[in-house]
Amino acid sequence: MQQQRARATGAAGDDRGFSVAEVVIAMGILTVGILSLAAVLTAGVRTVASSSARLIAREKAREAIESVHAARDTGELSWDNIRNVSDDGIFLDNPQPLKEAGVDGIVNTEDDDDAPYETQHFPGDDGILGNADDKVVSLAGNFRREVLIEPVLDINGNVSASLRRVTVTVSYRVNDAWRTYTLSTFVSSFA
């Protein structure tokens, strides 16, 4: 009889389950894990949402660098003109709205004032890009570009006559927050 009671007691002890404290701790660990996954998912969605604007910013910075090289390579402008307006050059000071290049074919110069704002094209309701129902969005309100051309000092501390630093900063808006993309390089007077 005692042997049967011991078995019954042992069996009943195995069926008791988890205590309230163990359940609360397990739920806390599970909650932290789920919230962490939600945070990672949110960060991923934000990155995907801003990738198009970041790509445009990068390409517009590269375009400006190419404009500086084009200004040097065409020979229509002297090396002395490849500076900012405040330094007696042709490139506008301060951030400028994205406009198509003016008559000179160089972005961020005074003749860009007459050029239209650059636009981005999206497929329309039919999902096909390049037909009549495309949606055209101006980049004017969400993108600004600054081209800064600075002198470079040689090892003796003198201003180099044949080398300049070009820094292009494109500011762009994503979800009402401004971000920047900066590209910096050097340009020499030798084509």
N, C-alpha and C. Protein backbone atom coordinates (compact mmCIF):
# COMPACT_ATOMS: atom_id res chain seq x y z
N MET A 1 0.81 -1.18 0.00
CA MET A 1 0.00 0.00 0.00
C MET A 1 0.87 1.26 0.00
N GLN A 2 1.89 1.27 0.81
CA GLN A 2 2.78 2.43 0.85
C GLN A 2 3.50 2.60 -0.49
N GLN A 3 3.77 1.50 -1.13
CA GLN A 3 4.45 1.57 -2.41
C GLN A 3 3.54 2.23 -3.45
N GLN A 4 2.26 1.91 -3.41
CA GLN A 4 1.31 2.52 -4.35
C GLN A 4 1.15 4.01 -4.06
N ARG A 5 1.13 4.35 -2.75
CA ARG A 5 1.03 5.77 -2.41
C ARG A 5 2.25 6.55 -2.89
N ALA A 6 3.42 5.98 -2.76
CA ALA A 6 4.64 6.65 -3.19
C ALA A 6 4.60 6.89 -4.70
N ARG A 7 4.12 5.88 -5.42
CA ARG A 7 4.01 6.06 -6.87
C ARG A 7 2.99 7.14 -7.21
N ALA A 8 1.87 7.12 -6.52
CA ALA A 8 0.84 8.11 -6.77
C ALA A 8 1.35 9.52 -6.45
N THR A 9 2.08 9.65 -5.35
CA THR A 9 2.63 10.94 -4.97
C THR A 9 3.67 11.38 -5.98
N GLY A 10 4.54 10.51 -6.40
CA GLY A 10 5.57 10.83 -7.40
C GLY A 10 4.93 11.23 -8.71
N ALA A 11 3.92 10.53 -9.13
CA ALA A 11 3.25 10.86 -10.38
C ALA A 11 2.56 12.21 -10.26
N ALA A 12 1.94 12.47 -9.14
CA ALA A 12 1.26 13.76 -8.94
C ALA A 12 2.29 14.89 -8.92
N GLY A 13 3.48 14.66 -8.38
CA GLY A 13 4.53 15.68 -8.33
C GLY A 13 5.01 16.04 -9.73
N ASP A 14 5.03 15.11 -10.68
CA ASP A 14 5.46 15.38 -12.05
C ASP A 14 4.41 16.17 -12.82
N ASP A 15 3.16 16.11 -12.45
CA ASP A 15 2.09 16.76 -13.19
C ASP A 15 1.80 18.18 -12.69
N ARG A 16 2.56 18.68 -11.78
CA ARG A 16 2.27 19.98 -11.22
C ARG A 16 2.40 21.11 -12.22
N GLY A 17 3.31 21.11 -13.18
CA GLY A 17 3.48 22.17 -14.17
C GLY A 17 4.47 23.23 -13.71
N PHE A 18 4.35 24.42 -14.33
CA PHE A 18 5.27 25.52 -14.02
C PHE A 18 4.67 26.42 -12.95
N SER A 19 5.58 27.04 -12.20
CA SER A 19 5.10 27.99 -11.19
C SER A 19 4.82 29.33 -11.87
N VAL A 20 4.12 30.22 -11.21
CA VAL A 20 3.79 31.53 -11.74
C VAL A 20 5.07 32.31 -12.02
N ALA A 21 6.06 32.23 -11.17
CA ALA A 21 7.32 32.95 -11.36
C ALA A 21 8.03 32.47 -12.63
N GLU A 22 8.02 31.19 -12.89
CA GLU A 22 8.66 30.66 -14.10
C GLU A 22 7.93 31.14 -15.36
N VAL A 23 6.61 31.19 -15.32
CA VAL A 23 5.84 31.66 -16.47
C VAL A 23 6.10 33.15 -16.72
N VAL A 24 6.16 33.96 -15.66
CA VAL A 24 6.42 35.39 -15.81
C VAL A 24 7.82 35.61 -16.41
N ILE A 25 8.81 34.89 -15.96
CA ILE A 25 10.18 35.03 -16.49
C ILE A 25 10.22 34.62 -17.96
N ALA A 26 9.57 33.52 -18.29
CA ALA A 26 9.55 33.06 -19.68
C ALA A 26 8.85 34.08 -20.58
N MET A 27 7.75 34.66 -20.10
CA MET A 27 7.04 35.67 -20.89
C MET A 27 7.90 36.93 -21.08
N GLY A 28 8.66 37.31 -20.07
CA GLY A 28 9.56 38.46 -20.17
C GLY A 28 10.64 38.23 -21.22
N ILE A 29 11.24 37.05 -21.22
CA ILE A 29 12.27 36.72 -22.20
C ILE A 29 11.67 36.71 -23.61
N LEU A 30 10.49 36.14 -23.76
CA LEU A 30 9.82 36.10 -25.05
C LEU A 30 9.48 37.50 -25.54
N THR A 31 9.03 38.36 -24.65
CA THR A 31 8.68 39.74 -25.01
C THR A 31 9.90 40.51 -25.48
N VAL A 32 11.02 40.37 -24.77
CA VAL A 32 12.26 41.05 -25.18
C VAL A 32 12.69 40.57 -26.56
N GLY A 33 12.59 39.29 -26.82
CA GLY A 33 12.96 38.74 -28.13
C GLY A 33 12.08 39.27 -29.24
N ILE A 34 10.78 39.32 -29.03
CA ILE A 34 9.85 39.80 -30.04
C ILE A 34 10.05 41.29 -30.30
N LEU A 35 10.25 42.08 -29.24
CA LEU A 35 10.50 43.51 -29.42
C LEU A 35 11.81 43.76 -30.17
N SER A 36 12.82 42.95 -29.93
CA SER A 36 14.09 43.08 -30.66
C SER A 36 13.89 42.81 -32.14
N LEU A 37 13.12 41.78 -32.45
CA LEU A 37 12.84 41.47 -33.85
C LEU A 37 12.03 42.59 -34.51
N ALA A 38 11.10 43.17 -33.79
CA ALA A 38 10.32 44.29 -34.33
C ALA A 38 11.21 45.49 -34.61
N ALA A 39 12.17 45.76 -33.74
CA ALA A 39 13.09 46.88 -33.95
C ALA A 39 13.96 46.64 -35.18
N VAL A 40 14.44 45.43 -35.36
CA VAL A 40 15.25 45.10 -36.54
C VAL A 40 14.40 45.24 -37.81
N LEU A 41 13.17 44.78 -37.78
CA LEU A 41 12.28 44.89 -38.92
C LEU A 41 12.02 46.37 -39.26
N THR A 42 11.78 47.18 -38.26
CA THR A 42 11.54 48.62 -38.48
C THR A 42 12.76 49.29 -39.10
N ALA A 43 13.95 48.97 -38.59
CA ALA A 43 15.17 49.54 -39.16
C ALA A 43 15.35 49.11 -40.61
N GLY A 44 15.03 47.89 -40.92
CA GLY A 44 15.13 47.40 -42.29
C GLY A 44 14.17 48.11 -43.22
N VAL A 45 12.95 48.32 -42.78
CA VAL A 45 11.96 49.03 -43.60
C VAL A 45 12.41 50.47 -43.84
N ARG A 46 12.95 51.12 -42.84
CA ARG A 46 13.45 52.50 -43.00
C ARG A 46 14.59 52.56 -44.00
N THR A 47 15.49 51.59 -43.94
CA THR A 47 16.62 51.55 -44.86
C THR A 47 16.14 51.37 -46.29
N VAL A 48 15.20 50.46 -46.48
CA VAL A 48 14.66 50.24 -47.82
C VAL A 48 13.94 51.49 -48.32
N ALA A 49 13.20 52.15 -47.46
CA ALA A 49 12.46 53.35 -47.86
C ALA A 49 13.39 54.49 -48.26
N SER A 50 14.56 54.57 -47.67
CA SER A 50 15.48 55.67 -47.98
C SER A 50 16.49 55.32 -49.06
N SER A 51 16.51 54.08 -49.54
CA SER A 51 17.55 53.67 -50.48
C SER A 51 17.45 54.41 -51.81
N SER A 52 16.25 54.68 -52.31
CA SER A 52 16.09 55.40 -53.57
C SER A 52 16.65 56.82 -53.45
N ALA A 53 16.32 57.51 -52.38
CA ALA A 53 16.82 58.87 -52.18
C ALA A 53 18.34 58.88 -52.01
N ARG A 54 18.87 57.89 -51.32
CA ARG A 54 20.33 57.79 -51.11
C ARG A 54 21.03 57.56 -52.45
N LEU A 55 20.43 56.73 -53.30
CA LEU A 55 21.00 56.47 -54.62
C LEU A 55 21.01 57.74 -55.47
N ILE A 56 19.92 58.49 -55.45
CA ILE A 56 19.85 59.75 -56.20
C ILE A 56 20.90 60.72 -55.67
N ALA A 57 21.03 60.82 -54.36
CA ALA A 57 22.01 61.74 -53.76
C ALA A 57 23.42 61.37 -54.20
N ARG A 58 23.73 60.09 -54.19
CA ARG A 58 25.07 59.64 -54.59
C ARG A 58 25.34 59.99 -56.05
N GLU A 59 24.37 59.74 -56.91
CA GLU A 59 24.56 60.01 -58.33
C GLU A 59 24.64 61.51 -58.62
N LYS A 60 23.89 62.32 -57.89
CA LYS A 60 23.96 63.77 -58.09
C LYS A 60 25.29 64.34 -57.59
N ALA A 61 25.86 63.73 -56.57
CA ALA A 61 27.20 64.14 -56.11
C ALA A 61 28.24 63.78 -57.18
N ARG A 62 28.13 62.58 -57.73
CA ARG A 62 29.06 62.17 -58.79
C ARG A 62 28.92 63.06 -60.02
N GLU A 63 27.69 63.41 -60.34
CA GLU A 63 27.45 64.28 -61.49
C GLU A 63 28.15 65.63 -61.30
N ALA A 64 28.12 66.16 -60.10
CA ALA A 64 28.78 67.45 -59.84
C ALA A 64 30.30 67.32 -59.97
N ILE A 65 30.86 66.22 -59.47
CA ILE A 65 32.30 65.99 -59.61
C ILE A 65 32.66 65.91 -61.10
N GLU A 66 31.83 65.21 -61.87
CA GLU A 66 32.07 65.11 -63.31
C GLU A 66 31.97 66.49 -63.97
N SER A 67 31.10 67.35 -63.47
CA SER A 67 30.97 68.70 -64.01
C SER A 67 32.25 69.50 -63.79
N VAL A 68 32.86 69.33 -62.64
CA VAL A 68 34.12 70.03 -62.37
C VAL A 68 35.20 69.54 -63.33
N HIS A 69 35.27 68.22 -63.52
CA HIS A 69 36.25 67.68 -64.47
C HIS A 69 35.95 68.13 -65.89
N ALA A 70 34.67 68.16 -66.26
CA ALA A 70 34.29 68.62 -67.60
C ALA A 70 34.67 70.08 -67.79
N ALA A 71 34.47 70.90 -66.77
CA ALA A 71 34.84 72.32 -66.85
C ALA A 71 36.34 72.45 -67.12
N ARG A 72 37.12 71.58 -66.52
CA ARG A 72 38.57 71.62 -66.73
C ARG A 72 38.93 71.06 -68.11
N ASP A 73 38.31 69.95 -68.50
CA ASP A 73 38.71 69.23 -69.71
C ASP A 73 38.28 69.90 -71.01
N THR A 74 37.18 70.64 -71.02
CA THR A 74 36.71 71.23 -72.27
C THR A 74 37.62 72.33 -72.78
N GLY A 75 38.33 72.96 -71.89
CA GLY A 75 39.22 74.03 -72.30
C GLY A 75 38.51 75.36 -72.52
N GLU A 76 37.16 75.34 -72.42
CA GLU A 76 36.41 76.59 -72.58
C GLU A 76 36.59 77.50 -71.36
N LEU A 77 36.92 76.90 -70.24
CA LEU A 77 37.13 77.66 -69.00
C LEU A 77 38.59 77.56 -68.59
N SER A 78 39.09 78.63 -68.05
CA SER A 78 40.47 78.58 -67.56
C SER A 78 40.49 77.92 -66.17
N TRP A 79 41.62 77.46 -65.77
CA TRP A 79 41.80 76.83 -64.45
C TRP A 79 41.39 77.81 -63.35
N ASP A 80 41.60 79.09 -63.56
CA ASP A 80 41.24 80.09 -62.55
C ASP A 80 39.74 80.18 -62.33
N ASN A 81 38.92 79.81 -63.32
CA ASN A 81 37.46 79.86 -63.18
C ASN A 81 36.89 78.67 -62.41
N ILE A 82 37.69 77.65 -62.21
CA ILE A 82 37.20 76.46 -61.53
C ILE A 82 37.35 76.69 -60.03
N ARG A 83 36.47 77.52 -59.55
CA ARG A 83 36.40 77.92 -58.15
C ARG A 83 34.94 78.27 -57.85
N ASN A 84 34.69 78.57 -56.60
CA ASN A 84 33.35 79.05 -56.22
C ASN A 84 33.22 80.53 -56.57
N VAL A 85 32.01 81.01 -56.71
CA VAL A 85 31.74 82.41 -57.06
C VAL A 85 32.39 83.35 -56.05
N SER A 86 32.37 83.00 -54.78
CA SER A 86 32.98 83.86 -53.75
C SER A 86 34.49 83.96 -53.90
N ASP A 87 35.08 83.07 -54.73
CA ASP A 87 36.52 83.07 -54.98
C ASP A 87 36.79 83.40 -56.45
N ASP A 88 35.86 84.16 -57.06
CA ASP A 88 35.95 84.58 -58.47
C ASP A 88 35.89 83.43 -59.46
N GLY A 89 35.13 82.39 -59.13
CA GLY A 89 34.95 81.27 -60.04
C GLY A 89 33.53 81.19 -60.57
N ILE A 90 33.15 80.02 -61.12
CA ILE A 90 31.82 79.87 -61.73
C ILE A 90 30.85 79.03 -60.90
N PHE A 91 31.33 78.28 -59.92
CA PHE A 91 30.45 77.39 -59.16
C PHE A 91 29.79 78.16 -58.01
N LEU A 92 28.46 78.04 -57.96
CA LEU A 92 27.68 78.79 -56.96
C LEU A 92 28.03 78.36 -55.54
N ASP A 93 28.00 79.31 -54.64
CA ASP A 93 28.22 79.03 -53.22
C ASP A 93 26.92 78.52 -52.60
N ASN A 94 27.03 77.84 -51.50
CA ASN A 94 25.89 77.39 -50.70
C ASN A 94 25.07 76.30 -51.42
N PRO A 95 24.25 75.59 -50.68
CA PRO A 95 23.41 74.54 -51.30
C PRO A 95 22.43 75.14 -52.31
N GLN A 96 22.28 74.44 -53.42
CA GLN A 96 21.40 74.87 -54.51
C GLN A 96 20.39 73.77 -54.80
N PRO A 97 19.19 74.13 -55.25
CA PRO A 97 18.24 73.09 -55.65
C PRO A 97 18.77 72.36 -56.88
N LEU A 98 18.37 71.11 -57.03
CA LEU A 98 18.84 70.33 -58.18
C LEU A 98 18.15 70.81 -59.44
N LYS A 99 18.93 71.38 -60.33
CA LYS A 99 18.43 71.83 -61.63
C LYS A 99 19.28 71.17 -62.70
N GLU A 100 18.71 71.08 -63.88
CA GLU A 100 19.48 70.57 -65.01
C GLU A 100 20.55 71.60 -65.35
N ALA A 101 21.64 71.13 -65.94
CA ALA A 101 22.74 72.02 -66.29
C ALA A 101 22.27 73.05 -67.31
N GLY A 102 22.78 74.25 -67.19
CA GLY A 102 22.43 75.32 -68.12
C GLY A 102 23.17 75.17 -69.44
N VAL A 103 23.32 76.28 -70.15
CA VAL A 103 23.94 76.30 -71.47
C VAL A 103 25.37 75.78 -71.42
N ASP A 104 26.09 76.06 -70.33
CA ASP A 104 27.49 75.62 -70.25
C ASP A 104 27.63 74.12 -70.01
N GLY A 105 26.55 73.42 -69.69
CA GLY A 105 26.60 71.97 -69.47
C GLY A 105 27.20 71.59 -68.12
N ILE A 106 27.36 72.55 -67.24
CA ILE A 106 27.99 72.31 -65.93
C ILE A 106 26.98 72.62 -64.84
N VAL A 107 26.79 71.68 -63.91
CA VAL A 107 25.80 71.90 -62.84
C VAL A 107 26.34 72.83 -61.77
N ASN A 108 25.41 73.46 -61.06
CA ASN A 108 25.71 74.39 -59.95
C ASN A 108 26.47 75.62 -60.40
N THR A 109 26.11 76.14 -61.58
CA THR A 109 26.67 77.40 -62.04
C THR A 109 25.51 78.38 -62.27
N GLU A 110 25.83 79.66 -62.50
CA GLU A 110 24.81 80.70 -62.59
C GLU A 110 23.80 80.47 -63.70
N ASP A 111 24.20 79.88 -64.81
CA ASP A 111 23.26 79.71 -65.92
C ASP A 111 22.23 78.61 -65.65
N ASP A 112 22.37 77.89 -64.55
CA ASP A 112 21.37 76.88 -64.19
C ASP A 112 20.05 77.51 -63.74
N ASP A 113 20.06 78.81 -63.44
CA ASP A 113 18.85 79.49 -62.98
C ASP A 113 17.71 79.38 -63.98
N ASP A 114 18.03 79.36 -65.27
CA ASP A 114 17.00 79.28 -66.30
C ASP A 114 16.60 77.84 -66.60
N ALA A 115 17.34 76.89 -66.10
CA ALA A 115 17.06 75.47 -66.39
C ALA A 115 15.92 74.96 -65.50
N PRO A 116 15.20 73.95 -65.98
CA PRO A 116 14.12 73.39 -65.14
C PRO A 116 14.69 72.54 -63.99
N TYR A 117 13.86 72.38 -62.96
CA TYR A 117 14.25 71.50 -61.86
C TYR A 117 14.29 70.07 -62.36
N GLU A 118 15.19 69.30 -61.79
CA GLU A 118 15.27 67.90 -62.18
C GLU A 118 14.08 67.15 -61.62
N THR A 119 13.70 66.09 -62.32
CA THR A 119 12.52 65.32 -61.94
C THR A 119 12.86 63.84 -61.86
N GLN A 120 11.99 63.11 -61.19
CA GLN A 120 12.10 61.66 -61.10
C GLN A 120 10.81 61.08 -61.67
N HIS A 121 10.94 60.07 -62.51
CA HIS A 121 9.78 59.46 -63.18
C HIS A 121 9.46 58.11 -62.55
N PHE A 122 8.17 57.89 -62.28
CA PHE A 122 7.68 56.63 -61.73
C PHE A 122 6.65 56.05 -62.68
N PRO A 123 6.55 54.72 -62.74
CA PRO A 123 5.50 54.13 -63.59
C PRO A 123 4.12 54.53 -63.08
N GLY A 124 3.18 54.69 -64.01
CA GLY A 124 1.81 55.05 -63.65
C GLY A 124 1.01 53.84 -63.22
N ASP A 125 -0.30 53.95 -63.34
CA ASP A 125 -1.20 52.90 -62.89
C ASP A 125 -1.00 51.58 -63.62
N ASP A 126 -0.53 51.65 -64.88
CA ASP A 126 -0.33 50.41 -65.63
C ASP A 126 0.97 49.70 -65.27
N GLY A 127 1.83 50.34 -64.44
CA GLY A 127 3.08 49.72 -64.00
C GLY A 127 4.18 49.75 -65.05
N ILE A 128 3.99 50.48 -66.14
CA ILE A 128 4.97 50.55 -67.21
C ILE A 128 5.57 51.96 -67.24
N LEU A 129 6.89 52.02 -67.23
CA LEU A 129 7.58 53.31 -67.26
C LEU A 129 7.80 53.73 -68.71
N GLY A 130 7.55 55.00 -68.99
CA GLY A 130 7.84 55.53 -70.31
C GLY A 130 6.62 55.75 -71.18
N ASN A 131 5.43 55.77 -70.58
CA ASN A 131 4.26 56.09 -71.38
C ASN A 131 3.49 57.25 -70.74
N ALA A 132 2.31 57.54 -71.26
CA ALA A 132 1.59 58.76 -70.90
C ALA A 132 1.15 58.85 -69.45
N ASP A 133 0.97 57.72 -68.76
CA ASP A 133 0.44 57.81 -67.40
C ASP A 133 1.53 57.83 -66.33
N ASP A 134 2.79 58.03 -66.73
CA ASP A 134 3.88 58.10 -65.75
C ASP A 134 3.66 59.24 -64.76
N LYS A 135 4.13 59.04 -63.55
CA LYS A 135 4.08 60.09 -62.53
C LYS A 135 5.45 60.77 -62.48
N VAL A 136 5.45 62.09 -62.57
CA VAL A 136 6.68 62.87 -62.58
C VAL A 136 6.73 63.69 -61.30
N VAL A 137 7.82 63.52 -60.54
CA VAL A 137 7.98 64.21 -59.26
C VAL A 137 9.23 65.09 -59.33
N SER A 138 9.09 66.35 -58.95
CA SER A 138 10.22 67.28 -58.93
C SER A 138 11.13 66.97 -57.74
N LEU A 139 12.42 67.04 -57.97
CA LEU A 139 13.40 66.83 -56.90
C LEU A 139 13.70 68.13 -56.15
N ALA A 140 13.10 69.22 -56.57
CA ALA A 140 13.45 70.55 -56.03
C ALA A 140 13.26 70.65 -54.53
N GLY A 141 12.17 70.15 -53.98
CA GLY A 141 11.91 70.34 -52.56
C GLY A 141 12.63 69.37 -51.65
N ASN A 142 13.12 68.27 -52.20
CA ASN A 142 13.71 67.23 -51.35
C ASN A 142 15.21 67.06 -51.51
N PHE A 143 15.84 67.76 -52.45
CA PHE A 143 17.27 67.61 -52.68
C PHE A 143 17.91 68.98 -52.86
N ARG A 144 19.12 69.13 -52.29
CA ARG A 144 19.93 70.33 -52.48
C ARG A 144 21.38 69.88 -52.62
N ARG A 145 22.15 70.60 -53.44
CA ARG A 145 23.54 70.20 -53.69
C ARG A 145 24.44 71.41 -53.53
N GLU A 146 25.57 71.18 -52.88
CA GLU A 146 26.58 72.22 -52.71
C GLU A 146 27.91 71.72 -53.26
N VAL A 147 28.55 72.54 -54.08
CA VAL A 147 29.88 72.23 -54.61
C VAL A 147 30.85 73.22 -53.96
N LEU A 148 31.77 72.69 -53.20
CA LEU A 148 32.76 73.53 -52.51
C LEU A 148 34.14 73.20 -53.07
N ILE A 149 34.80 74.20 -53.62
CA ILE A 149 36.14 74.03 -54.20
C ILE A 149 37.11 74.83 -53.35
N GLU A 150 38.09 74.11 -52.78
CA GLU A 150 39.03 74.73 -51.84
C GLU A 150 40.46 74.55 -52.32
N PRO A 151 41.31 75.50 -52.00
CA PRO A 151 42.73 75.33 -52.33
C PRO A 151 43.36 74.23 -51.47
N VAL A 152 44.43 73.66 -51.99
CA VAL A 152 45.17 72.62 -51.27
C VAL A 152 46.55 73.17 -50.97
N LEU A 153 47.02 72.91 -49.77
CA LEU A 153 48.37 73.37 -49.39
C LEU A 153 49.40 72.30 -49.71
N ASP A 154 50.56 72.73 -50.20
CA ASP A 154 51.64 71.77 -50.44
C ASP A 154 52.39 71.48 -49.15
N ILE A 155 53.44 70.70 -49.20
CA ILE A 155 54.14 70.29 -47.97
C ILE A 155 54.81 71.46 -47.26
N ASN A 156 55.02 72.57 -47.97
CA ASN A 156 55.62 73.75 -47.35
C ASN A 156 54.58 74.72 -46.80
N GLY A 157 53.30 74.38 -46.94
CA GLY A 157 52.24 75.24 -46.45
C GLY A 157 51.79 76.30 -47.44
N ASN A 158 52.28 76.22 -48.67
CA ASN A 158 51.89 77.17 -49.71
C ASN A 158 50.70 76.61 -50.49
N VAL A 159 49.88 77.50 -51.02
CA VAL A 159 48.74 77.07 -51.82
C VAL A 159 49.24 76.48 -53.13
N SER A 160 48.79 75.26 -53.43
CA SER A 160 49.17 74.59 -54.66
C SER A 160 48.51 75.28 -55.84
N ALA A 161 49.28 75.55 -56.87
CA ALA A 161 48.75 76.22 -58.05
C ALA A 161 48.03 75.25 -58.98
N SER A 162 48.23 73.95 -58.80
CA SER A 162 47.67 73.00 -59.75
C SER A 162 46.77 71.94 -59.12
N LEU A 163 46.37 72.13 -57.86
CA LEU A 163 45.53 71.12 -57.21
C LEU A 163 44.49 71.79 -56.32
N ARG A 164 43.25 71.29 -56.39
CA ARG A 164 42.17 71.80 -55.54
C ARG A 164 41.35 70.63 -55.01
N ARG A 165 40.77 70.84 -53.83
CA ARG A 165 39.87 69.84 -53.24
C ARG A 165 38.44 70.21 -53.61
N VAL A 166 37.69 69.21 -54.07
CA VAL A 166 36.28 69.41 -54.42
C VAL A 166 35.45 68.56 -53.48
N THR A 167 34.54 69.19 -52.75
CA THR A 167 33.63 68.49 -51.85
C THR A 167 32.21 68.80 -52.28
N VAL A 168 31.47 67.75 -52.60
CA VAL A 168 30.07 67.90 -53.00
C VAL A 168 29.22 67.29 -51.90
N THR A 169 28.30 68.08 -51.38
CA THR A 169 27.38 67.61 -50.34
C THR A 169 25.96 67.71 -50.88
N VAL A 170 25.29 66.56 -50.90
CA VAL A 170 23.90 66.53 -51.33
C VAL A 170 23.06 66.27 -50.10
N SER A 171 22.16 67.19 -49.80
CA SER A 171 21.22 67.02 -48.69
C SER A 171 19.90 66.55 -49.27
N TYR A 172 19.29 65.57 -48.61
CA TYR A 172 18.02 65.05 -49.11
C TYR A 172 17.11 64.71 -47.95
N ARG A 173 15.81 64.79 -48.22
CA ARG A 173 14.82 64.57 -47.18
C ARG A 173 14.20 63.18 -47.34
N VAL A 174 14.15 62.45 -46.21
CA VAL A 174 13.48 61.16 -46.15
C VAL A 174 12.60 61.17 -44.91
N ASN A 175 11.30 61.02 -45.10
CA ASN A 175 10.35 61.00 -43.99
C ASN A 175 10.50 62.21 -43.07
N ASP A 176 10.57 63.39 -43.66
CA ASP A 176 10.67 64.66 -42.92
C ASP A 176 11.96 64.81 -42.12
N ALA A 177 12.97 64.00 -42.41
CA ALA A 177 14.28 64.14 -41.77
C ALA A 177 15.33 64.38 -42.86
N TRP A 178 16.20 65.36 -42.67
CA TRP A 178 17.23 65.66 -43.66
C TRP A 178 18.45 64.80 -43.41
N ARG A 179 19.00 64.24 -44.48
CA ARG A 179 20.22 63.45 -44.43
C ARG A 179 21.19 64.03 -45.45
N THR A 180 22.46 63.67 -45.35
CA THR A 180 23.44 64.18 -46.29
C THR A 180 24.29 63.06 -46.85
N TYR A 181 24.74 63.28 -48.06
CA TYR A 181 25.73 62.41 -48.71
C TYR A 181 26.84 63.33 -49.17
N THR A 182 28.08 63.01 -48.79
CA THR A 182 29.22 63.86 -49.13
C THR A 182 30.24 63.06 -49.92
N LEU A 183 30.71 63.66 -51.00
CA LEU A 183 31.74 63.05 -51.84
C LEU A 183 32.86 64.08 -51.99
N SER A 184 34.08 63.65 -51.73
CA SER A 184 35.21 64.57 -51.77
C SER A 184 36.31 63.96 -52.63
N THR A 185 36.94 64.81 -53.43
CA THR A 185 38.04 64.35 -54.28
C THR A 185 38.96 65.54 -54.59
N PHE A 186 39.97 65.29 -55.36
CA PHE A 186 40.89 66.35 -55.78
C PHE A 186 40.81 66.49 -57.29
N VAL A 187 41.03 67.70 -57.77
CA VAL A 187 41.11 67.94 -59.20
C VAL A 187 42.39 68.73 -59.47
N SER A 188 43.08 68.30 -60.51
CA SER A 188 44.32 69.01 -60.86
C SER A 188 44.10 69.83 -62.11
N SER A 189 45.01 70.72 -62.38
CA SER A 189 44.90 71.57 -63.56
C SER A 189 45.27 70.82 -64.83
N PHE A 190 45.78 69.60 -64.68
CA PHE A 190 46.22 68.81 -65.84
C PHE A 190 45.10 67.87 -66.26
N ALA A 191 44.70 67.97 -67.51
CA ALA A 191 43.60 67.13 -68.03
C ALA A 191 44.07 65.72 -68.32
